[in-house]
């Protein structure tokens, strides 16, 4: 069990996907995402194994939830700067967590 203090350290924020690129070097099919988290946090990049459920063009402008205070992680030649959150779908594909209404980028989840 986590304590409230431990949970409070996880910084989950809303961001808008602004660029989506293929990631052919990834071991499993994935996209490289560029996400705008607003003025305070700025632009972050990450990869996500979401090619089974989402097309690149439908991801542009989508607001998602991501953890922004994990250490950066090298994935091949690509540096991941945040962790996009999702749930495991019925066909073992990732369903992105998102806001059901448009909100300000950078808004903290908690």
Protein backbone atom coordinates (compact mmCIF):
# COMPACT_ATOMS: atom_id res chain seq x y z
CA UNK A 1 0.00 0.00 0.00
CA UNK A 2 1.18 3.51 -0.82
CA UNK A 3 0.96 6.30 1.68
CA UNK A 4 -0.68 9.58 0.65
CA UNK A 5 2.74 11.22 0.83
CA UNK A 6 4.19 8.67 -1.62
CA UNK A 7 1.26 9.06 -4.01
CA UNK A 8 1.56 12.84 -3.86
CA UNK A 9 5.11 12.56 -5.26
CA UNK A 10 3.80 11.12 -8.55
CA UNK A 11 3.17 14.10 -10.81
CA UNK A 12 0.44 13.18 -13.29
CA UNK A 13 -0.40 15.99 -15.72
CA UNK A 14 -2.64 16.64 -18.71
CA UNK A 15 -0.86 17.24 -22.00
CA UNK A 16 -1.83 17.59 -25.64
CA UNK A 17 -0.17 15.42 -28.28
CA UNK A 18 1.23 17.76 -30.93
CA UNK A 19 3.48 15.47 -33.04
CA UNK A 20 3.29 11.72 -33.73
CA UNK A 21 6.03 9.84 -35.57
CA UNK A 22 6.57 6.19 -36.36
CA UNK A 23 9.20 4.47 -34.20
CA UNK A 24 10.58 1.68 -36.43
CA UNK A 25 13.55 1.03 -34.11
CA UNK A 26 11.27 -0.01 -31.22
CA UNK A 27 11.15 -3.72 -30.35
CA UNK A 28 7.34 -3.64 -30.27
CA UNK A 29 5.28 -1.41 -32.59
CA UNK A 30 5.21 2.11 -31.11
CA UNK A 31 4.92 5.79 -31.88
CA UNK A 32 7.16 8.63 -30.78
CA UNK A 33 4.97 11.33 -29.24
CA UNK A 34 5.67 15.00 -28.63
CA UNK A 35 3.38 16.34 -25.91
CA UNK A 36 2.69 19.93 -24.83
CA UNK A 37 2.31 20.20 -21.03
CA UNK A 38 1.91 23.99 -20.97
CA UNK A 39 4.17 26.85 -19.88
CA UNK A 40 5.39 25.40 -16.56
CA UNK A 41 6.55 22.00 -17.88
CA UNK A 42 6.84 22.62 -21.61
CA UNK A 43 7.23 20.07 -24.38
CA UNK A 44 8.16 16.47 -23.56
CA UNK A 45 8.81 13.46 -25.78
CA UNK A 46 8.00 9.83 -25.15
CA UNK A 47 7.17 6.62 -26.95
CA UNK A 48 4.02 4.57 -26.60
CA UNK A 49 2.97 1.13 -27.80
CA UNK A 50 -0.43 2.32 -28.99
CA UNK A 51 -0.29 1.50 -32.71
CA UNK A 52 -2.84 -1.30 -32.42
CA UNK A 53 -5.66 1.02 -31.28
CA UNK A 54 -4.71 4.50 -32.58
CA UNK A 55 -3.77 5.97 -35.96
CA UNK A 56 -1.24 8.82 -35.95
CA UNK A 57 -3.66 11.39 -37.34
CA UNK A 58 -6.30 10.76 -34.65
CA UNK A 59 -3.74 11.31 -31.86
CA UNK A 60 -2.87 14.88 -32.88
CA UNK A 61 -4.68 17.26 -30.50
CA UNK A 62 -5.68 14.48 -28.09
CA UNK A 63 -5.26 15.34 -24.42
CA UNK A 64 -3.72 12.54 -22.38
CA UNK A 65 -2.50 11.87 -18.83
CA UNK A 66 1.21 11.30 -18.24
CA UNK A 67 3.68 11.10 -15.37
CA UNK A 68 6.18 13.93 -15.84
CA UNK A 69 8.57 13.45 -12.91
CA UNK A 70 10.16 10.08 -13.68
CA UNK A 71 13.82 10.14 -14.74
CA UNK A 72 14.45 10.25 -18.49
CA UNK A 73 14.82 6.81 -20.09
CA UNK A 74 16.91 5.92 -23.13
CA UNK A 75 15.00 3.71 -25.58
CA UNK A 76 17.41 2.88 -28.38
CA UNK A 77 18.47 6.22 -29.85
CA UNK A 78 15.37 7.92 -28.43
CA UNK A 79 15.13 9.64 -25.02
CA UNK A 80 11.77 9.28 -23.27
CA UNK A 81 10.97 12.24 -20.99
CA UNK A 82 7.60 11.22 -19.52
CA UNK A 83 5.31 8.20 -19.17
CA UNK A 84 1.93 8.22 -20.93
CA UNK A 85 -0.71 6.39 -18.89
CA UNK A 86 -3.21 3.92 -20.25
CA UNK A 87 -5.20 0.86 -19.35
CA UNK A 88 -4.92 -2.58 -20.90
CA UNK A 89 -7.74 -3.14 -23.36
CA UNK A 90 -9.61 -6.37 -24.03
CA UNK A 91 -7.27 -7.26 -26.91
CA UNK A 92 -4.13 -6.47 -24.87
CA UNK A 93 -3.82 -3.05 -26.47
CA UNK A 94 -3.34 0.21 -24.59
CA UNK A 95 -6.28 2.57 -24.09
CA UNK A 96 -4.94 6.05 -23.31
CA UNK A 97 -6.13 7.83 -20.18
CA UNK A 98 -7.53 11.23 -21.07
CA UNK A 99 -9.79 14.02 -19.91
CA UNK A 100 -13.41 13.86 -21.08
CA UNK A 101 -13.35 17.66 -21.47
CA UNK A 102 -10.71 20.00 -22.88
CA UNK A 103 -8.63 21.43 -20.00
CA UNK A 104 -5.50 23.53 -19.64
CA UNK A 105 -2.26 21.72 -20.53
CA UNK A 106 -0.20 21.00 -17.45
CA UNK A 107 -3.18 20.58 -15.14
CA UNK A 108 -2.18 18.28 -12.29
CA UNK A 109 -4.11 15.09 -11.65
CA UNK A 110 -4.53 14.23 -8.02
